[in-house]
């Protein structure tokens, strides 16, 4: 399980996701929400990322 804490237009949000559903890309974090459904969070809006299995950071 991973936790990402980030800013939204409505305030700070904390989201728990499976490690394999959270990936770091060049300038953002990508959260897989379902089949072909993703949330992209720009780096400057992310406060913290906690992962139990960090080898999933890179494909």
PDB file of N, CA and C in Angstrom:
ATOM      1  N   UNK A   1       0.845  -1.178   0.000  1.00  0.00           N
ATOM      2  CA  UNK A   1       0.000   0.000   0.000  1.00  0.00           C
ATOM      3  C   UNK A   1       0.892   1.245   0.000  1.00  0.00           C
ATOM      4  N   UNK A   2       0.463   2.261  -0.728  1.00  0.00           N
ATOM      5  CA  UNK A   2       1.185   3.526  -0.803  1.00  0.00           C
ATOM      6  C   UNK A   2       0.219   4.649  -0.439  1.00  0.00           C
ATOM      7  N   UNK A   3       0.779   5.752   0.060  1.00  0.00           N
ATOM      8  CA  UNK A   3      -0.009   6.932   0.393  1.00  0.00           C
ATOM      9  C   UNK A   3       0.630   8.133  -0.271  1.00  0.00           C
ATOM     10  N   UNK A   4      -0.186   8.933  -0.964  1.00  0.00           N
ATOM     11  CA  UNK A   4       0.296  10.164  -1.579  1.00  0.00           C
ATOM     12  C   UNK A   4      -0.532  11.315  -1.004  1.00  0.00           C
ATOM     13  N   UNK A   5       0.152  12.379  -0.585  1.00  0.00           N
ATOM     14  CA  UNK A   5      -0.496  13.563  -0.029  1.00  0.00           C
ATOM     15  C   UNK A   5      -0.217  14.717  -0.982  1.00  0.00           C
ATOM     16  N   UNK A   6      -1.292  15.390  -1.432  1.00  0.00           N
ATOM     17  CA  UNK A   6      -1.137  16.403  -2.468  1.00  0.00           C
ATOM     18  C   UNK A   6      -2.214  17.487  -2.353  1.00  0.00           C
ATOM     19  N   UNK A   7      -1.947  18.632  -2.988  1.00  0.00           N
ATOM     20  CA  UNK A   7      -2.897  19.743  -3.044  1.00  0.00           C
ATOM     21  C   UNK A   7      -3.902  19.527  -4.154  1.00  0.00           C
ATOM     22  N   UNK A   8      -5.145  19.895  -3.882  1.00  0.00           N
ATOM     23  CA  UNK A   8      -6.208  19.935  -4.885  1.00  0.00           C
ATOM     24  C   UNK A   8      -6.833  21.324  -4.827  1.00  0.00           C
ATOM     25  N   UNK A   9      -7.684  21.683  -5.756  1.00  0.00           N
ATOM     26  CA  UNK A   9      -8.370  22.976  -5.661  1.00  0.00           C
ATOM     27  C   UNK A   9      -9.210  23.111  -4.383  1.00  0.00           C
ATOM     28  N   UNK A  10      -9.604  21.980  -3.790  1.00  0.00           N
ATOM     29  CA  UNK A  10     -10.418  21.991  -2.573  1.00  0.00           C
ATOM     30  C   UNK A  10      -9.607  21.828  -1.295  1.00  0.00           C
ATOM     31  N   UNK A  11      -8.276  21.804  -1.392  1.00  0.00           N
ATOM     32  CA  UNK A  11      -7.426  21.647  -0.216  1.00  0.00           C
ATOM     33  C   UNK A  11      -6.522  20.436  -0.330  1.00  0.00           C
ATOM     34  N   UNK A  12      -5.868  20.094   0.765  1.00  0.00           N
ATOM     35  CA  UNK A  12      -4.939  18.970   0.793  1.00  0.00           C
ATOM     36  C   UNK A  12      -5.709  17.657   0.841  1.00  0.00           C
ATOM     37  N   UNK A  13      -5.241  16.683   0.082  1.00  0.00           N
ATOM     38  CA  UNK A  13      -5.888  15.371  -0.004  1.00  0.00           C
ATOM     39  C   UNK A  13      -4.861  14.282   0.268  1.00  0.00           C
ATOM     40  N   UNK A  14      -5.270  13.240   0.968  1.00  0.00           N
ATOM     41  CA  UNK A  14      -4.432  12.057   1.192  1.00  0.00           C
ATOM     42  C   UNK A  14      -5.140  10.880   0.542  1.00  0.00           C
ATOM     43  N   UNK A  15      -4.394  10.156  -0.299  1.00  0.00           N
ATOM     44  CA  UNK A  15      -5.001   9.033  -1.027  1.00  0.00           C
ATOM     45  C   UNK A  15      -4.146   7.785  -0.831  1.00  0.00           C
ATOM     46  N   UNK A  16      -4.778   6.685  -0.421  1.00  0.00           N
ATOM     47  CA  UNK A  16      -4.118   5.384  -0.298  1.00  0.00           C
ATOM     48  C   UNK A  16      -4.380   4.590  -1.560  1.00  0.00           C
ATOM     49  N   UNK A  17      -3.306   4.036  -2.138  1.00  0.00           N
ATOM     50  CA  UNK A  17      -3.414   3.233  -3.363  1.00  0.00           C
ATOM     51  C   UNK A  17      -2.471   2.042  -3.261  1.00  0.00           C
ATOM     52  N   UNK A  18      -2.710   1.037  -4.074  1.00  0.00           N
ATOM     53  CA  UNK A  18      -1.768  -0.082  -4.150  1.00  0.00           C
ATOM     54  C   UNK A  18      -0.451   0.423  -4.732  1.00  0.00           C
ATOM     55  N   UNK A  19       0.662  -0.117  -4.270  1.00  0.00           N
ATOM     56  CA  UNK A  19       1.983   0.295  -4.762  1.00  0.00           C
ATOM     57  C   UNK A  19       2.065   0.268  -6.282  1.00  0.00           C
ATOM     58  N   UNK A  20       1.515  -0.774  -6.895  1.00  0.00           N
ATOM     59  CA  UNK A  20       1.623  -0.902  -8.348  1.00  0.00           C
ATOM     60  C   UNK A  20       0.746   0.102  -9.103  1.00  0.00           C
ATOM     61  N   UNK A  21      -0.148   0.807  -8.398  1.00  0.00           N
ATOM     62  CA  UNK A  21      -1.000   1.820  -9.027  1.00  0.00           C
ATOM     63  C   UNK A  21      -0.437   3.233  -8.913  1.00  0.00           C
ATOM     64  N   UNK A  22       0.742   3.372  -8.337  1.00  0.00           N
ATOM     65  CA  UNK A  22       1.369   4.680  -8.172  1.00  0.00           C
ATOM     66  C   UNK A  22       2.726   4.662  -8.868  1.00  0.00           C
ATOM     67  N   UNK A  23       2.908   5.558  -9.835  1.00  0.00           N
ATOM     68  CA  UNK A  23       4.143   5.601 -10.603  1.00  0.00           C
ATOM     69  C   UNK A  23       4.648   7.025 -10.735  1.00  0.00           C
ATOM     70  N   UNK A  24       5.958   7.193 -10.620  1.00  0.00           N
ATOM     71  CA  UNK A  24       6.586   8.489 -10.836  1.00  0.00           C
ATOM     72  C   UNK A  24       6.949   8.616 -12.310  1.00  0.00           C
ATOM     73  N   UNK A  25       6.599   9.737 -12.889  1.00  0.00           N
ATOM     74  CA  UNK A  25       6.962  10.050 -14.270  1.00  0.00           C
ATOM     75  C   UNK A  25       7.858  11.282 -14.252  1.00  0.00           C
ATOM     76  N   UNK A  26       8.218  11.810 -15.399  1.00  0.00           N
ATOM     77  CA  UNK A  26       9.188  12.905 -15.496  1.00  0.00           C
ATOM     78  C   UNK A  26       8.853  14.102 -14.617  1.00  0.00           C
ATOM     79  N   UNK A  27       7.627  14.556 -14.610  1.00  0.00           N
ATOM     80  CA  UNK A  27       7.273  15.763 -13.875  1.00  0.00           C
ATOM     81  C   UNK A  27       5.961  15.633 -13.100  1.00  0.00           C
ATOM     82  N   UNK A  28       5.531  14.386 -12.867  1.00  0.00           N
ATOM     83  CA  UNK A  28       4.268  14.173 -12.165  1.00  0.00           C
ATOM     84  C   UNK A  28       4.200  12.750 -11.598  1.00  0.00           C
ATOM     85  N   UNK A  29       3.243  12.545 -10.704  1.00  0.00           N
ATOM     86  CA  UNK A  29       2.906  11.216 -10.222  1.00  0.00           C
ATOM     87  C   UNK A  29       1.657  10.765 -10.962  1.00  0.00           C
ATOM     88  N   UNK A  30       1.619   9.510 -11.334  1.00  0.00           N
ATOM     89  CA  UNK A  30       0.472   8.925 -12.022  1.00  0.00           C
ATOM     90  C   UNK A  30      -0.171   7.898 -11.103  1.00  0.00           C
ATOM     91  N   UNK A  31      -1.466   8.073 -10.833  1.00  0.00           N
ATOM     92  CA  UNK A  31      -2.225   7.134 -10.016  1.00  0.00           C
ATOM     93  C   UNK A  31      -3.217   6.418 -10.935  1.00  0.00           C
ATOM     94  N   UNK A  32      -3.149   5.091 -10.978  1.00  0.00           N
ATOM     95  CA  UNK A  32      -4.086   4.311 -11.770  1.00  0.00           C
ATOM     96  C   UNK A  32      -5.364   4.134 -10.957  1.00  0.00           C
ATOM     97  N   UNK A  33      -6.480   4.593 -11.533  1.00  0.00           N
ATOM     98  CA  UNK A  33      -7.767   4.512 -10.846  1.00  0.00           C
ATOM     99  C   UNK A  33      -8.605   3.344 -11.341  1.00  0.00           C
ATOM    100  N   UNK A  34      -8.297   2.856 -12.542  1.00  0.00           N
ATOM    101  CA  UNK A  34      -9.038   1.749 -13.148  1.00  0.00           C
ATOM    102  C   UNK A  34      -8.547   1.559 -14.567  1.00  0.00           C
ATOM    103  N   UNK A  35      -9.261   0.755 -15.323  1.00  0.00           N
ATOM    104  CA  UNK A  35      -8.890   0.522 -16.719  1.00  0.00           C
ATOM    105  C   UNK A  35      -8.921   1.833 -17.491  1.00  0.00           C
ATOM    106  N   UNK A  36      -7.779   2.235 -18.018  1.00  0.00           N
ATOM    107  CA  UNK A  36      -7.653   3.466 -18.802  1.00  0.00           C
ATOM    108  C   UNK A  36      -8.142   4.707 -18.063  1.00  0.00           C
ATOM    109  N   UNK A  37      -8.053   4.719 -16.743  1.00  0.00           N
ATOM    110  CA  UNK A  37      -8.473   5.858 -15.924  1.00  0.00           C
ATOM    111  C   UNK A  37      -7.324   6.212 -14.985  1.00  0.00           C
ATOM    112  N   UNK A  38      -6.759   7.412 -15.163  1.00  0.00           N
ATOM    113  CA  UNK A  38      -5.571   7.821 -14.416  1.00  0.00           C
ATOM    114  C   UNK A  38      -5.754   9.200 -13.813  1.00  0.00           C
ATOM    115  N   UNK A  39      -5.084   9.417 -12.700  1.00  0.00           N
ATOM    116  CA  UNK A  39      -4.988  10.731 -12.082  1.00  0.00           C
ATOM    117  C   UNK A  39      -3.537  11.156 -12.197  1.00  0.00           C
ATOM    118  N   UNK A  40      -3.283  12.333 -12.773  1.00  0.00           N
ATOM    119  CA  UNK A  40      -1.935  12.857 -12.914  1.00  0.00           C
ATOM    120  C   UNK A  40      -1.780  14.021 -11.946  1.00  0.00           C
ATOM    121  N   UNK A  41      -0.764  13.943 -11.074  1.00  0.00           N
ATOM    122  CA  UNK A  41      -0.548  14.973 -10.058  1.00  0.00           C
ATOM    123  C   UNK A  41       0.814  15.607 -10.293  1.00  0.00           C
ATOM    124  N   UNK A  42       0.854  16.907 -10.623  1.00  0.00           N
ATOM    125  CA  UNK A  42       2.138  17.582 -10.849  1.00  0.00           C
ATOM    126  C   UNK A  42       3.017  17.547  -9.587  1.00  0.00           C
ATOM    127  N   UNK A  43       4.318  17.435  -9.785  1.00  0.00           N
ATOM    128  CA  UNK A  43       5.258  17.350  -8.660  1.00  0.00           C
ATOM    129  C   UNK A  43       5.107  18.495  -7.674  1.00  0.00           C
ATOM    130  N   UNK A  44       4.849  19.700  -8.163  1.00  0.00           N
ATOM    131  CA  UNK A  44       4.783  20.847  -7.259  1.00  0.00           C
ATOM    132  C   UNK A  44       3.534  20.847  -6.379  1.00  0.00           C
ATOM    133  N   UNK A  45       2.636  19.893  -6.564  1.00  0.00           N
ATOM    134  CA  UNK A  45       1.448  19.779  -5.710  1.00  0.00           C
ATOM    135  C   UNK A  45       1.540  18.618  -4.719  1.00  0.00           C
ATOM    136  N   UNK A  46       2.632  17.847  -4.795  1.00  0.00           N
ATOM    137  CA  UNK A  46       2.784  16.674  -3.935  1.00  0.00           C
ATOM    138  C   UNK A  46       3.631  17.025  -2.718  1.00  0.00           C
ATOM    139  N   UNK A  47       3.095  16.727  -1.521  1.00  0.00           N
ATOM    140  CA  UNK A  47       3.817  16.951  -0.272  1.00  0.00           C
ATOM    141  C   UNK A  47       4.623  15.732   0.150  1.00  0.00           C
ATOM    142  N   UNK A  48       4.010  14.552  -0.018  1.00  0.00           N
ATOM    143  CA  UNK A  48       4.634  13.348   0.524  1.00  0.00           C
ATOM    144  C   UNK A  48       4.132  12.123  -0.225  1.00  0.00           C
ATOM    145  N   UNK A  49       5.049  11.141  -0.384  1.00  0.00           N
ATOM    146  CA  UNK A  49       4.700   9.841  -0.952  1.00  0.00           C
ATOM    147  C   UNK A  49       5.342   8.783  -0.064  1.00  0.00           C
ATOM    148  N   UNK A  50       4.523   7.869   0.447  1.00  0.00           N
ATOM    149  CA  UNK A  50       5.028   6.756   1.256  1.00  0.00           C
ATOM    150  C   UNK A  50       4.696   5.469   0.536  1.00  0.00           C
ATOM    151  N   UNK A  51       5.746   4.684   0.291  1.00  0.00           N
ATOM    152  CA  UNK A  51       5.542   3.404  -0.399  1.00  0.00           C
ATOM    153  C   UNK A  51       6.183   2.295   0.420  1.00  0.00           C
ATOM    154  N   UNK A  52       5.527   1.154   0.447  1.00  0.00           N
ATOM    155  CA  UNK A  52       6.077  -0.003   1.152  1.00  0.00           C
ATOM    156  C   UNK A  52       6.986  -0.817   0.248  1.00  0.00           C
ATOM    157  N   UNK A  53       6.807  -0.679  -1.057  1.00  0.00           N
ATOM    158  CA  UNK A  53       7.586  -1.455  -2.017  1.00  0.00           C
ATOM    159  C   UNK A  53       8.068  -0.511  -3.120  1.00  0.00           C
ATOM    160  N   UNK A  54       9.084   0.327  -2.838  1.00  0.00           N
ATOM    161  CA  UNK A  54       9.472   1.393  -3.763  1.00  0.00           C
ATOM    162  C   UNK A  54      10.075   0.951  -5.086  1.00  0.00           C
ATOM    163  N   UNK A  55      10.322  -0.320  -5.299  1.00  0.00           N
ATOM    164  CA  UNK A  55      10.865  -0.724  -6.614  1.00  0.00           C
ATOM    165  C   UNK A  55       9.835  -0.513  -7.717  1.00  0.00           C
ATOM    166  N   UNK A  56       8.574  -0.234  -7.364  1.00  0.00           N
ATOM    167  CA  UNK A  56       7.549   0.048  -8.372  1.00  0.00           C
ATOM    168  C   UNK A  56       7.619   1.471  -8.894  1.00  0.00           C
ATOM    169  N   UNK A  57       8.598   2.259  -8.429  1.00  0.00           N
ATOM    170  CA  UNK A  57       8.703   3.642  -8.893  1.00  0.00           C
ATOM    171  C   UNK A  57       9.033   3.728 -10.382  1.00  0.00           C
ATOM    172  N   UNK A  58       9.718   2.745 -10.903  1.00  0.00           N
ATOM    173  CA  UNK A  58      10.134   2.769 -12.302  1.00  0.00           C
ATOM    174  C   UNK A  58       9.676   1.504 -12.990  1.00  0.00           C
ATOM    175  N   UNK A  59       9.261   1.650 -14.249  1.00  0.00           N
ATOM    176  CA  UNK A  59       8.824   0.478 -15.019  1.00  0.00           C
ATOM    177  C   UNK A  59      10.004  -0.405 -15.370  1.00  0.00           C
TER     178      UNK A  59
END
